[in-house]
Amino acid sequence: MLVTMYSGRVTPTPPTLSQEQRVQASRLAVANRRRRAEVKRQIKSGELSLEELFELADREECIAQMRAYDLISALPAIGDVKAERIMQKAQIAKTRRIRGLGPKQRAELFRALVR
């Protein structure tokens, strides 16, 4: 990894990828986005429960990387305002990913969302 100076700050330079590596990374990113969109659709339709989603996140890296806010707002009858209120009550930052939720935060989500 190279380091460059920019405006007096040291910033790391990302590794140089070949065209083939870039195409492969792009395809993987598209596949991950499609998988997360499919999971959000399943959550919204009720095909996938919150408990099943956490189990899926333990098995699939791309699901573990989904933001907790996206998960909550994808649930049926939960809009942006209610999702933010739930996140604040559970003390979850808006940028937190599912993988980063602690046991207390998960328990608070179950309390707030599972009826």
PDB file of N, CA and C in Angstrom:
ATOM      1  N   MET A   1       0.848  -1.163   0.000  1.00  0.00           N
ATOM      2  CA  MET A   1       0.000   0.000   0.000  1.00  0.00           C
ATOM      3  C   MET A   1       0.899   1.232   0.000  1.00  0.00           C
ATOM      4  N   LEU A   2       0.611   2.150  -0.889  1.00  0.00           N
ATOM      5  CA  LEU A   2       1.348   3.399  -0.978  1.00  0.00           C
ATOM      6  C   LEU A   2       0.676   4.449  -0.111  1.00  0.00           C
ATOM      7  N   VAL A   3       1.472   5.410   0.336  1.00  0.00           N
ATOM      8  CA  VAL A   3       0.933   6.502   1.137  1.00  0.00           C
ATOM      9  C   VAL A   3       1.282   7.799   0.425  1.00  0.00           C
ATOM     10  N   THR A   4       0.299   8.679   0.272  1.00  0.00           N
ATOM     11  CA  THR A   4       0.529   9.953  -0.387  1.00  0.00           C
ATOM     12  C   THR A   4       0.137  11.096   0.536  1.00  0.00           C
ATOM     13  N   MET A   5       0.718  12.256   0.272  1.00  0.00           N
ATOM     14  CA  MET A   5       0.375  13.457   1.035  1.00  0.00           C
ATOM     15  C   MET A   5      -0.689  14.223   0.255  1.00  0.00           C
ATOM     16  N   TYR A   6      -1.746  14.605   0.935  1.00  0.00           N
ATOM     17  CA  TYR A   6      -2.812  15.363   0.308  1.00  0.00           C
ATOM     18  C   TYR A   6      -3.259  16.433   1.290  1.00  0.00           C
ATOM     19  N   SER A   7      -3.071  17.673   0.930  1.00  0.00           N
ATOM     20  CA  SER A   7      -3.437  18.801   1.794  1.00  0.00           C
ATOM     21  C   SER A   7      -2.820  18.674   3.182  1.00  0.00           C
ATOM     22  N   GLY A   8      -1.580  18.211   3.229  1.00  0.00           N
ATOM     23  CA  GLY A   8      -0.893  18.102   4.507  1.00  0.00           C
ATOM     24  C   GLY A   8      -1.242  16.862   5.304  1.00  0.00           C
ATOM     25  N   ARG A   9      -2.150  16.021   4.778  1.00  0.00           N
ATOM     26  CA  ARG A   9      -2.542  14.795   5.482  1.00  0.00           C
ATOM     27  C   ARG A   9      -2.005  13.586   4.723  1.00  0.00           C
ATOM     28  N   VAL A  10      -1.679  12.565   5.454  1.00  0.00           N
ATOM     29  CA  VAL A  10      -1.216  11.320   4.848  1.00  0.00           C
ATOM     30  C   VAL A  10      -2.439  10.447   4.589  1.00  0.00           C
ATOM     31  N   THR A  11      -2.608  10.039   3.335  1.00  0.00           N
ATOM     32  CA  THR A  11      -3.736   9.187   2.992  1.00  0.00           C
ATOM     33  C   THR A  11      -3.226   7.935   2.285  1.00  0.00           C
ATOM     34  N   PRO A  12      -3.777   6.776   2.621  1.00  0.00           N
ATOM     35  CA  PRO A  12      -3.348   5.549   1.949  1.00  0.00           C
ATOM     36  C   PRO A  12      -3.882   5.506   0.522  1.00  0.00           C
ATOM     37  N   THR A  13      -3.112   4.941  -0.357  1.00  0.00           N
ATOM     38  CA  THR A  13      -3.526   4.762  -1.738  1.00  0.00           C
ATOM     39  C   THR A  13      -3.972   3.313  -1.910  1.00  0.00           C
ATOM     40  N   PRO A  14      -5.158   3.110  -2.474  1.00  0.00           N
ATOM     41  CA  PRO A  14      -5.628   1.731  -2.628  1.00  0.00           C
ATOM     42  C   PRO A  14      -4.737   0.961  -3.600  1.00  0.00           C
ATOM     43  N   PRO A  15      -4.732  -0.358  -3.472  1.00  0.00           N
ATOM     44  CA  PRO A  15      -3.896  -1.160  -4.374  1.00  0.00           C
ATOM     45  C   PRO A  15      -4.382  -1.030  -5.814  1.00  0.00           C
ATOM     46  N   THR A  16      -3.463  -1.145  -6.735  1.00  0.00           N
ATOM     47  CA  THR A  16      -3.799  -1.085  -8.147  1.00  0.00           C
ATOM     48  C   THR A  16      -4.321  -2.450  -8.576  1.00  0.00           C
ATOM     49  N   LEU A  17      -5.500  -2.462  -9.179  1.00  0.00           N
ATOM     50  CA  LEU A  17      -6.106  -3.714  -9.626  1.00  0.00           C
ATOM     51  C   LEU A  17      -6.012  -3.821 -11.135  1.00  0.00           C
ATOM     52  N   SER A  18      -5.858  -5.039 -11.598  1.00  0.00           N
ATOM     53  CA  SER A  18      -5.875  -5.263 -13.037  1.00  0.00           C
ATOM     54  C   SER A  18      -7.317  -5.115 -13.530  1.00  0.00           C
ATOM     55  N   GLN A  19      -7.487  -5.007 -14.823  1.00  0.00           N
ATOM     56  CA  GLN A  19      -8.835  -4.882 -15.389  1.00  0.00           C
ATOM     57  C   GLN A  19      -9.688  -6.094 -15.021  1.00  0.00           C
ATOM     58  N   GLU A  20      -9.104  -7.273 -15.071  1.00  0.00           N
ATOM     59  CA  GLU A  20      -9.824  -8.498 -14.728  1.00  0.00           C
ATOM     60  C   GLU A  20     -10.267  -8.489 -13.261  1.00  0.00           C
ATOM     61  N   GLN A  21      -9.380  -8.039 -12.373  1.00  0.00           N
ATOM     62  CA  GLN A  21      -9.722  -7.964 -10.951  1.00  0.00           C
ATOM     63  C   GLN A  21     -10.835  -6.946 -10.712  1.00  0.00           C
ATOM     64  N   ARG A  22     -10.788  -5.824 -11.437  1.00  0.00           N
ATOM     65  CA  ARG A  22     -11.839  -4.801 -11.309  1.00  0.00           C
ATOM     66  C   ARG A  22     -13.187  -5.345 -11.758  1.00  0.00           C
ATOM     67  N   VAL A  23     -13.204  -6.052 -12.879  1.00  0.00           N
ATOM     68  CA  VAL A  23     -14.448  -6.629 -13.392  1.00  0.00           C
ATOM     69  C   VAL A  23     -14.992  -7.654 -12.408  1.00  0.00           C
ATOM     70  N   GLN A  24     -14.111  -8.489 -11.863  1.00  0.00           N
ATOM     71  CA  GLN A  24     -14.527  -9.499 -10.893  1.00  0.00           C
ATOM     72  C   GLN A  24     -15.101  -8.836  -9.634  1.00  0.00           C
ATOM     73  N   ALA A  25     -14.451  -7.800  -9.133  1.00  0.00           N
ATOM     74  CA  ALA A  25     -14.934  -7.088  -7.945  1.00  0.00           C
ATOM     75  C   ALA A  25     -16.283  -6.427  -8.223  1.00  0.00           C
ATOM     76  N   SER A  26     -16.439  -5.882  -9.422  1.00  0.00           N
ATOM     77  CA  SER A  26     -17.701  -5.247  -9.797  1.00  0.00           C
ATOM     78  C   SER A  26     -18.834  -6.268  -9.839  1.00  0.00           C
ATOM     79  N   ARG A  27     -18.555  -7.426 -10.421  1.00  0.00           N
ATOM     80  CA  ARG A  27     -19.577  -8.478 -10.477  1.00  0.00           C
ATOM     81  C   ARG A  27     -19.973  -8.953  -9.082  1.00  0.00           C
ATOM     82  N   LEU A  28     -18.997  -9.093  -8.210  1.00  0.00           N
ATOM     83  CA  LEU A  28     -19.279  -9.505  -6.840  1.00  0.00           C
ATOM     84  C   LEU A  28     -20.125  -8.455  -6.120  1.00  0.00           C
ATOM     85  N   ALA A  29     -19.796  -7.177  -6.325  1.00  0.00           N
ATOM     86  CA  ALA A  29     -20.559  -6.099  -5.687  1.00  0.00           C
ATOM     87  C   ALA A  29     -22.011  -6.088  -6.174  1.00  0.00           C
ATOM     88  N   VAL A  30     -22.212  -6.287  -7.469  1.00  0.00           N
ATOM     89  CA  VAL A  30     -23.568  -6.324  -8.022  1.00  0.00           C
ATOM     90  C   VAL A  30     -24.340  -7.515  -7.448  1.00  0.00           C
ATOM     91  N   ALA A  31     -23.706  -8.670  -7.370  1.00  0.00           N
ATOM     92  CA  ALA A  31     -24.357  -9.858  -6.810  1.00  0.00           C
ATOM     93  C   ALA A  31     -24.739  -9.632  -5.345  1.00  0.00           C
ATOM     94  N   ASN A  32     -23.859  -8.995  -4.577  1.00  0.00           N
ATOM     95  CA  ASN A  32     -24.155  -8.706  -3.165  1.00  0.00           C
ATOM     96  C   ASN A  32     -25.325  -7.738  -3.037  1.00  0.00           C
ATOM     97  N   ARG A  33     -25.354  -6.694  -3.866  1.00  0.00           N
ATOM     98  CA  ARG A  33     -26.472  -5.734  -3.816  1.00  0.00           C
ATOM     99  C   ARG A  33     -27.788  -6.416  -4.169  1.00  0.00           C
ATOM    100  N   ARG A  34     -27.761  -7.283  -5.176  1.00  0.00           N
ATOM    101  CA  ARG A  34     -28.978  -8.003  -5.558  1.00  0.00           C
ATOM    102  C   ARG A  34     -29.442  -8.917  -4.432  1.00  0.00           C
ATOM    103  N   ARG A  35     -28.515  -9.583  -3.758  1.00  0.00           N
ATOM    104  CA  ARG A  35     -28.876 -10.485  -2.659  1.00  0.00           C
ATOM    105  C   ARG A  35     -29.497  -9.700  -1.502  1.00  0.00           C
ATOM    106  N   ARG A  36     -28.885  -8.549  -1.162  1.00  0.00           N
ATOM    107  CA  ARG A  36     -29.449  -7.726  -0.085  1.00  0.00           C
ATOM    108  C   ARG A  36     -30.841  -7.203  -0.464  1.00  0.00           C
ATOM    109  N   ALA A  37     -31.033  -6.819  -1.727  1.00  0.00           N
ATOM    110  CA  ALA A  37     -32.351  -6.349  -2.180  1.00  0.00           C
ATOM    111  C   ALA A  37     -33.381  -7.471  -2.081  1.00  0.00           C
ATOM    112  N   GLU A  38     -32.985  -8.684  -2.431  1.00  0.00           N
ATOM    113  CA  GLU A  38     -33.884  -9.832  -2.337  1.00  0.00           C
ATOM    114  C   GLU A  38     -34.271 -10.089  -0.878  1.00  0.00           C
ATOM    115  N   VAL A  39     -33.300 -10.010   0.028  1.00  0.00           N
ATOM    116  CA  VAL A  39     -33.583 -10.226   1.452  1.00  0.00           C
ATOM    117  C   VAL A  39     -34.516  -9.136   1.978  1.00  0.00           C
ATOM    118  N   LYS A  40     -34.286  -7.888   1.571  1.00  0.00           N
ATOM    119  CA  LYS A  40     -35.179  -6.801   2.011  1.00  0.00           C
ATOM    120  C   LYS A  40     -36.596  -7.025   1.496  1.00  0.00           C
ATOM    121  N   ARG A  41     -36.725  -7.533   0.260  1.00  0.00           N
ATOM    122  CA  ARG A  41     -38.046  -7.830  -0.290  1.00  0.00           C
ATOM    123  C   ARG A  41     -38.715  -8.937   0.538  1.00  0.00           C
ATOM    124  N   GLN A  42     -37.953  -9.966   0.924  1.00  0.00           N
ATOM    125  CA  GLN A  42     -38.494 -11.051   1.732  1.00  0.00           C
ATOM    126  C   GLN A  42     -38.910 -10.556   3.115  1.00  0.00           C
ATOM    127  N   ILE A  43     -38.165  -9.630   3.671  1.00  0.00           N
ATOM    128  CA  ILE A  43     -38.518  -9.059   4.975  1.00  0.00           C
ATOM    129  C   ILE A  43     -39.815  -8.288   4.856  1.00  0.00           C
ATOM    130  N   LYS A  44     -39.910  -7.447   3.836  1.00  0.00           N
ATOM    131  CA  LYS A  44     -41.093  -6.613   3.639  1.00  0.00           C
ATOM    132  C   LYS A  44     -42.346  -7.459   3.425  1.00  0.00           C
ATOM    133  N   SER A  45     -42.209  -8.567   2.695  1.00  0.00           N
ATOM    134  CA  SER A  45     -43.371  -9.420   2.403  1.00  0.00           C
ATOM    135  C   SER A  45     -43.714 -10.359   3.562  1.00  0.00           C
ATOM    136  N   GLY A  46     -42.827 -10.455   4.556  1.00  0.00           N
ATOM    137  CA  GLY A  46     -43.085 -11.323   5.693  1.00  0.00           C
ATOM    138  C   GLY A  46     -42.592 -12.746   5.498  1.00  0.00           C
ATOM    139  N   GLU A  47     -41.930 -13.028   4.367  1.00  0.00           N
ATOM    140  CA  GLU A  47     -41.394 -14.366   4.112  1.00  0.00           C
ATOM    141  C   GLU A  47     -40.233 -14.697   5.044  1.00  0.00           C
ATOM    142  N   LEU A  48     -39.560 -13.664   5.536  1.00  0.00           N
ATOM    143  CA  LEU A  48     -38.362 -13.843   6.355  1.00  0.00           C
ATOM    144  C   LEU A  48     -38.571 -13.111   7.683  1.00  0.00           C
ATOM    145  N   SER A  49     -38.419 -13.833   8.783  1.00  0.00           N
ATOM    146  CA  SER A  49     -38.592 -13.211  10.105  1.00  0.00           C
ATOM    147  C   SER A  49     -37.278 -12.566  10.551  1.00  0.00           C
ATOM    148  N   LEU A  50     -37.343 -11.792  11.594  1.00  0.00           N
ATOM    149  CA  LEU A  50     -36.157 -11.137  12.137  1.00  0.00           C
ATOM    150  C   LEU A  50     -35.148 -12.170  12.632  1.00  0.00           C
ATOM    151  N   GLU A  51     -35.642 -13.198  13.293  1.00  0.00           N
ATOM    152  CA  GLU A  51     -34.761 -14.262  13.795  1.00  0.00           C
ATOM    153  C   GLU A  51     -34.069 -14.986  12.637  1.00  0.00           C
ATOM    154  N   GLU A  52     -34.825 -15.276  11.577  1.00  0.00           N
ATOM    155  CA  GLU A  52     -34.246 -15.939  10.408  1.00  0.00           C
ATOM    156  C   GLU A  52     -33.213 -15.047   9.730  1.00  0.00           C
ATOM    157  N   LEU A  53     -33.459 -13.749   9.743  1.00  0.00           N
ATOM    158  CA  LEU A  53     -32.518 -12.824   9.132  1.00  0.00           C
ATOM    159  C   LEU A  53     -31.190 -12.822   9.886  1.00  0.00           C
ATOM    160  N   PHE A  54     -31.230 -12.813  11.207  1.00  0.00           N
ATOM    161  CA  PHE A  54     -29.993 -12.836  11.990  1.00  0.00           C
ATOM    162  C   PHE A  54     -29.235 -14.154  11.772  1.00  0.00           C
ATOM    163  N   GLU A  55     -29.966 -15.270  11.638  1.00  0.00           N
ATOM    164  CA  GLU A  55     -29.317 -16.544  11.335  1.00  0.00           C
ATOM    165  C   GLU A  55     -28.667 -16.499   9.954  1.00  0.00           C
ATOM    166  N   LEU A  56     -29.357 -15.880   9.010  1.00  0.00           N
ATOM    167  CA  LEU A  56     -28.827 -15.735   7.652  1.00  0.00           C
ATOM    168  C   LEU A  56     -27.588 -14.847   7.648  1.00  0.00           C
ATOM    169  N   ALA A  57     -27.594 -13.815   8.455  1.00  0.00           N
ATOM    170  CA  ALA A  57     -26.435 -12.909   8.545  1.00  0.00           C
ATOM    171  C   ALA A  57     -25.218 -13.621   9.114  1.00  0.00           C
ATOM    172  N   ASP A  58     -25.442 -14.611   9.970  1.00  0.00           N
ATOM    173  CA  ASP A  58     -24.325 -15.387  10.508  1.00  0.00           C
ATOM    174  C   ASP A  58     -23.690 -16.264   9.433  1.00  0.00           C
ATOM    175  N   ARG A  59     -24.474 -16.650   8.430  1.00  0.00           N
ATOM    176  CA  ARG A  59     -23.975 -17.526   7.367  1.00  0.00           C
ATOM    177  C   ARG A  59     -23.482 -16.775   6.130  1.00  0.00           C
ATOM    178  N   GLU A  60     -24.093 -15.630   5.827  1.00  0.00           N
ATOM    179  CA  GLU A  60     -23.775 -14.910   4.592  1.00  0.00           C
ATOM    180  C   GLU A  60     -23.169 -13.536   4.897  1.00  0.00           C
ATOM    181  N   GLU A  61     -21.963 -13.337   4.421  1.00  0.00           N
ATOM    182  CA  GLU A  61     -21.238 -12.086   4.661  1.00  0.00           C
ATOM    183  C   GLU A  61     -21.974 -10.873   4.087  1.00  0.00           C
ATOM    184  N   CYS A  62     -22.554 -11.008   2.901  1.00  0.00           N
ATOM    185  CA  CYS A  62     -23.197  -9.853   2.276  1.00  0.00           C
ATOM    186  C   CYS A  62     -24.431  -9.409   3.071  1.00  0.00           C
ATOM    187  N   ILE A  63     -25.086 -10.331   3.760  1.00  0.00           N
ATOM    188  CA  ILE A  63     -26.236  -9.962   4.598  1.00  0.00           C
ATOM    189  C   ILE A  63     -25.737  -9.328   5.897  1.00  0.00           C
ATOM    190  N   ALA A  64     -24.647  -9.832   6.434  1.00  0.00           N
ATOM    191  CA  ALA A  64     -24.069  -9.261   7.657  1.00  0.00           C
ATOM    192  C   ALA A  64     -23.627  -7.819   7.432  1.00  0.00           C
ATOM    193  N   GLN A  65     -23.317  -7.474   6.186  1.00  0.00           N
ATOM    194  CA  GLN A  65     -22.876  -6.117   5.867  1.00  0.00           C
ATOM    195  C   GLN A  65     -24.037  -5.146   5.647  1.00  0.00           C
ATOM    196  N   MET A  66     -25.272  -5.632   5.684  1.00  0.00           N
ATOM    197  CA  MET A  66     -26.434  -4.757   5.509  1.00  0.00           C
ATOM    198  C   MET A  66     -26.560  -3.832   6.706  1.00  0.00           C
ATOM    199  N   ARG A  67     -26.924  -2.607   6.461  1.00  0.00           N
ATOM    200  CA  ARG A  67     -27.104  -1.653   7.557  1.00  0.00           C
ATOM    201  C   ARG A  67     -28.363  -2.006   8.350  1.00  0.00           C
ATOM    202  N   ALA A  68     -28.280  -1.866   9.658  1.00  0.00           N
ATOM    203  CA  ALA A  68     -29.410  -2.178  10.532  1.00  0.00           C
ATOM    204  C   ALA A  68     -30.604  -1.288  10.204  1.00  0.00           C
ATOM    205  N   TYR A  69     -30.343  -0.039   9.843  1.00  0.00           N
ATOM    206  CA  TYR A  69     -31.434   0.885   9.483  1.00  0.00           C
ATOM    207  C   TYR A  69     -32.197   0.367   8.270  1.00  0.00           C
ATOM    208  N   ASP A  70     -31.481  -0.155   7.263  1.00  0.00           N
ATOM    209  CA  ASP A  70     -32.136  -0.702   6.070  1.00  0.00           C
ATOM    210  C   ASP A  70     -33.008  -1.890   6.440  1.00  0.00           C
ATOM    211  N   LEU A  71     -32.525  -2.712   7.364  1.00  0.00           N
ATOM    212  CA  LEU A  71     -33.298  -3.866   7.835  1.00  0.00           C
ATOM    213  C   LEU A  71     -34.589  -3.403   8.499  1.00  0.00           C
ATOM    214  N   ILE A  72     -34.482  -2.471   9.424  1.00  0.00           N
ATOM    215  CA  ILE A  72     -35.652  -2.022  10.185  1.00  0.00           C
ATOM    216  C   ILE A  72     -36.656  -1.324   9.278  1.00  0.00           C
ATOM    217  N   SER A  73     -36.173  -0.453   8.403  1.00  0.00           N
ATOM    218  CA  SER A  73     -37.094   0.281   7.538  1.00  0.00           C
ATOM    219  C   SER A  73     -37.713  -0.615   6.471  1.00  0.00           C
ATOM    220  N   ALA A  74     -37.154  -1.806   6.226  1.00  0.00           N
ATOM    221  CA  ALA A  74     -37.731  -2.741   5.255  1.00  0.00           C
ATOM    222  C   ALA A  74     -38.887  -3.546   5.861  1.00  0.00           C
ATOM    223  N   LEU A  75     -39.009  -3.533   7.174  1.00  0.00           N
ATOM    224  CA  LEU A  75     -40.077  -4.296   7.821  1.00  0.00           C
ATOM    225  C   LEU A  75     -41.434  -3.693   7.496  1.00  0.00           C
ATOM    226  N   PRO A  76     -42.470  -4.544   7.394  1.00  0.00           N
ATOM    227  CA  PRO A  76     -43.806  -4.031   7.106  1.00  0.00           C
ATOM    228  C   PRO A  76     -44.289  -3.074   8.202  1.00  0.00           C
ATOM    229  N   ALA A  77     -44.959  -2.025   7.800  1.00  0.00           N
ATOM    230  CA  ALA A  77     -45.554  -1.021   8.701  1.00  0.00           C
ATOM    231  C   ALA A  77     -44.520  -0.205   9.465  1.00  0.00           C
ATOM    232  N   ILE A  78     -43.263  -0.202   9.005  1.00  0.00           N
ATOM    233  CA  ILE A  78     -42.229   0.610   9.648  1.00  0.00           C
ATOM    234  C   ILE A  78     -41.730   1.611   8.609  1.00  0.00           C
ATOM    235  N   GLY A  79     -41.942   2.881   8.899  1.00  0.00           N
ATOM    236  CA  GLY A  79     -41.441   3.922   8.011  1.00  0.00           C
ATOM    237  C   GLY A  79     -40.145   4.499   8.538  1.00  0.00           C
ATOM    238  N   ASP A  80     -39.691   5.571   7.905  1.00  0.00           N
ATOM    239  CA  ASP A  80     -38.429   6.186   8.299  1.00  0.00           C
ATOM    240  C   ASP A  80     -38.463   6.723   9.730  1.00  0.00           C
ATOM    241  N   VAL A  81     -39.542   7.396  10.099  1.00  0.00           N
ATOM    242  CA  VAL A  81     -39.630   8.004  11.432  1.00  0.00           C
ATOM    243  C   VAL A  81     -39.648   6.927  12.511  1.00  0.00           C
ATOM    244  N   LYS A  82     -40.457   5.903  12.316  1.00  0.00           N
ATOM    245  CA  LYS A  82     -40.545   4.827  13.298  1.00  0.00           C
ATOM    246  C   LYS A  82     -39.221   4.059  13.378  1.00  0.00           C
ATOM    247  N   ALA A  83     -38.570   3.865  12.234  1.00  0.00           N
ATOM    248  CA  ALA A  83     -37.278   3.169  12.212  1.00  0.00           C
ATOM    249  C   ALA A  83     -36.239   3.956  13.011  1.00  0.00           C
ATOM    250  N   GLU A  84     -36.210   5.267  12.823  1.00  0.00           N
ATOM    251  CA  GLU A  84     -35.252   6.089  13.581  1.00  0.00           C
ATOM    252  C   GLU A  84     -35.555   6.051  15.068  1.00  0.00           C
ATOM    253  N   ARG A  85     -36.826   6.059  15.431  1.00  0.00           N
ATOM    254  CA  ARG A  85     -37.217   6.007  16.843  1.00  0.00           C
ATOM    255  C   ARG A  85     -36.767   4.675  17.465  1.00  0.00           C
ATOM    256  N   ILE A  86     -36.950   3.583  16.748  1.00  0.00           N
ATOM    257  CA  ILE A  86     -36.529   2.266  17.231  1.00  0.00           C
ATOM    258  C   ILE A  86     -35.013   2.222  17.381  1.00  0.00           C
ATOM    259  N   MET A  87     -34.314   2.769  16.396  1.00  0.00           N
ATOM    260  CA  MET A  87     -32.841   2.785  16.439  1.00  0.00           C
ATOM    261  C   MET A  87     -32.345   3.583  17.646  1.00  0.00           C
ATOM    262  N   GLN A  88     -32.958   4.724  17.918  1.00  0.00           N
ATOM    263  CA  GLN A  88     -32.540   5.545  19.066  1.00  0.00           C
ATOM    264  C   GLN A  88     -32.799   4.822  20.372  1.00  0.00           C
ATOM    265  N   LYS A  89     -33.970   4.185  20.476  1.00  0.00           N
ATOM    266  CA  LYS A  89     -34.313   3.484  21.714  1.00  0.00           C
ATOM    267  C   LYS A  89     -33.350   2.325  21.972  1.00  0.00           C
ATOM    268  N   ALA A  90     -32.933   1.650  20.892  1.00  0.00           N
ATOM    269  CA  ALA A  90     -32.015   0.515  21.023  1.00  0.00           C
ATOM    270  C   ALA A  90     -30.560   0.965  21.058  1.00  0.00           C
ATOM    271  N   GLN A  91     -30.327   2.267  20.976  1.00  0.00           N
ATOM    272  CA  GLN A  91     -28.978   2.850  20.979  1.00  0.00           C
ATOM    273  C   GLN A  91     -28.123   2.269  19.856  1.00  0.00           C
ATOM    274  N   ILE A  92     -28.702   2.308  18.651  1.00  0.00           N
ATOM    275  CA  ILE A  92     -28.006   1.813  17.466  1.00  0.00           C
ATOM    276  C   ILE A  92     -27.745   3.000  16.550  1.00  0.00           C
ATOM    277  N   ALA A  93     -26.497   3.185  16.161  1.00  0.00           N
ATOM    278  CA  ALA A  93     -26.143   4.257  15.228  1.00  0.00           C
ATOM    279  C   ALA A  93     -26.744   3.941  13.862  1.00  0.00           C
ATOM    280  N   LYS A  94     -27.089   4.993  13.129  1.00  0.00           N
ATOM    281  CA  LYS A  94     -27.720   4.800  11.825  1.00  0.00           C
ATOM    282  C   LYS A  94     -26.798   4.084  10.837  1.00  0.00           C
ATOM    283  N   THR A  95     -25.503   4.157  11.053  1.00  0.00           N
ATOM    284  CA  THR A  95     -24.546   3.537  10.147  1.00  0.00           C
ATOM    285  C   THR A  95     -24.145   2.123  10.571  1.00  0.00           C
ATOM    286  N   ARG A  96     -24.671   1.645  11.681  1.00  0.00           N
ATOM    287  CA  ARG A  96     -24.300   0.318  12.204  1.00  0.00           C
ATOM    288  C   ARG A  96     -24.779  -0.781  11.263  1.00  0.00           C
ATOM    289  N   ARG A  97     -23.945  -1.769  11.086  1.00  0.00           N
ATOM    290  CA  ARG A  97     -24.296  -2.909  10.243  1.00  0.00           C
ATOM    291  C   ARG A  97     -24.812  -4.049  11.121  1.00  0.00           C
ATOM    292  N   ILE A  98     -25.533  -4.982  10.517  1.00  0.00           N
ATOM    293  CA  ILE A  98     -26.131  -6.083  11.274  1.00  0.00           C
ATOM    294  C   ILE A  98     -25.070  -6.849  12.052  1.00  0.00           C
ATOM    295  N   ARG A  99     -23.932  -7.080  11.420  1.00  0.00           N
ATOM    296  CA  ARG A  99     -22.837  -7.810  12.076  1.00  0.00           C
ATOM    297  C   ARG A  99     -22.395  -7.102  13.351  1.00  0.00           C
ATOM    298  N   GLY A 100     -22.483  -5.788  13.400  1.00  0.00           N
ATOM    299  CA  GLY A 100     -21.980  -5.020  14.523  1.00  0.00           C
ATOM    300  C   GLY A 100     -22.952  -4.837  15.670  1.00  0.00           C
ATOM    301  N   LEU A 101     -24.145  -5.419  15.567  1.00  0.00           N
ATOM    302  CA  LEU A 101     -25.121  -5.282  16.645  1.00  0.00           C
ATOM    303  C   LEU A 101     -24.743  -6.188  17.809  1.00  0.00           C
ATOM    304  N   GLY A 102     -24.735  -5.619  18.994  1.00  0.00           N
ATOM    305  CA  GLY A 102     -24.437  -6.398  20.183  1.00  0.00           C
ATOM    306  C   GLY A 102     -25.661  -7.147  20.674  1.00  0.00           C
ATOM    307  N   PRO A 103     -25.488  -8.039  21.641  1.00  0.00           N
ATOM    308  CA  PRO A 103     -26.612  -8.836  22.154  1.00  0.00           C
ATOM    309  C   PRO A 103     -27.735  -7.979  22.741  1.00  0.00           C
ATOM    310  N   LYS A 104     -27.380  -6.900  23.435  1.00  0.00           N
ATOM    311  CA  LYS A 104     -28.407  -6.026  24.015  1.00  0.00           C
ATOM    312  C   LYS A 104     -29.182  -5.300  22.925  1.00  0.00           C
ATOM    313  N   GLN A 105     -28.466  -4.880  21.872  1.00  0.00           N
ATOM    314  CA  GLN A 105     -29.132  -4.184  20.770  1.00  0.00           C
ATOM    315  C   GLN A 105     -30.062  -5.137  20.021  1.00  0.00           C
ATOM    316  N   ARG A 106     -29.616  -6.365  19.803  1.00  0.00           N
ATOM    317  CA  ARG A 106     -30.478  -7.356  19.143  1.00  0.00           C
ATOM    318  C   ARG A 106     -31.717  -7.634  19.984  1.00  0.00           C
ATOM    319  N   ALA A 107     -31.512  -7.782  21.291  1.00  0.00           N
ATOM    320  CA  ALA A 107     -32.644  -8.042  22.190  1.00  0.00           C
ATOM    321  C   ALA A 107     -33.631  -6.882  22.158  1.00  0.00           C
ATOM    322  N   GLU A 108     -33.134  -5.657  22.140  1.00  0.00           N
ATOM    323  CA  GLU A 108     -34.005  -4.469  22.074  1.00  0.00           C
ATOM    324  C   GLU A 108     -34.776  -4.441  20.753  1.00  0.00           C
ATOM    325  N   LEU A 109     -34.128  -4.822  19.667  1.00  0.00           N
ATOM    326  CA  LEU A 109     -34.829  -4.892  18.374  1.00  0.00           C
ATOM    327  C   LEU A 109     -35.945  -5.922  18.418  1.00  0.00           C
ATOM    328  N   PHE A 110     -35.670  -7.107  18.989  1.00  0.00           N
ATOM    329  CA  PHE A 110     -36.716  -8.125  19.104  1.00  0.00           C
ATOM    330  C   PHE A 110     -37.877  -7.611  19.941  1.00  0.00           C
ATOM    331  N   ARG A 111     -37.558  -6.930  21.033  1.00  0.00           N
ATOM    332  CA  ARG A 111     -38.605  -6.385  21.903  1.00  0.00           C
ATOM    333  C   ARG A 111     -39.468  -5.376  21.146  1.00  0.00           C
ATOM    334  N   ALA A 112     -38.830  -4.542  20.345  1.00  0.00           N
ATOM    335  CA  ALA A 112     -39.559  -3.483  19.641  1.00  0.00           C
ATOM    336  C   ALA A 112     -40.290  -3.983  18.404  1.00  0.00           C
ATOM    337  N   LEU A 113     -39.789  -5.037  17.771  1.00  0.00           N
ATOM    338  CA  LEU A 113     -40.327  -5.421  16.469  1.00  0.00           C
ATOM    339  C   LEU A 113     -41.125  -6.701  16.430  1.00  0.00           C
ATOM    340  N   VAL A 114     -40.823  -7.649  17.308  1.00  0.00           N
ATOM    341  CA  VAL A 114     -41.533  -8.936  17.262  1.00  0.00           C
ATOM    342  C   VAL A 114     -42.770  -8.834  18.128  1.00  0.00           C
ATOM    343  N   ARG A 115     -43.898  -9.104  17.505  1.00  0.00           N
ATOM    344  CA  ARG A 115     -45.191  -8.967  18.227  1.00  0.00           C
ATOM    345  C   ARG A 115     -45.842 -10.300  18.372  1.00  0.00           C
TER     346      ARG A 115
END
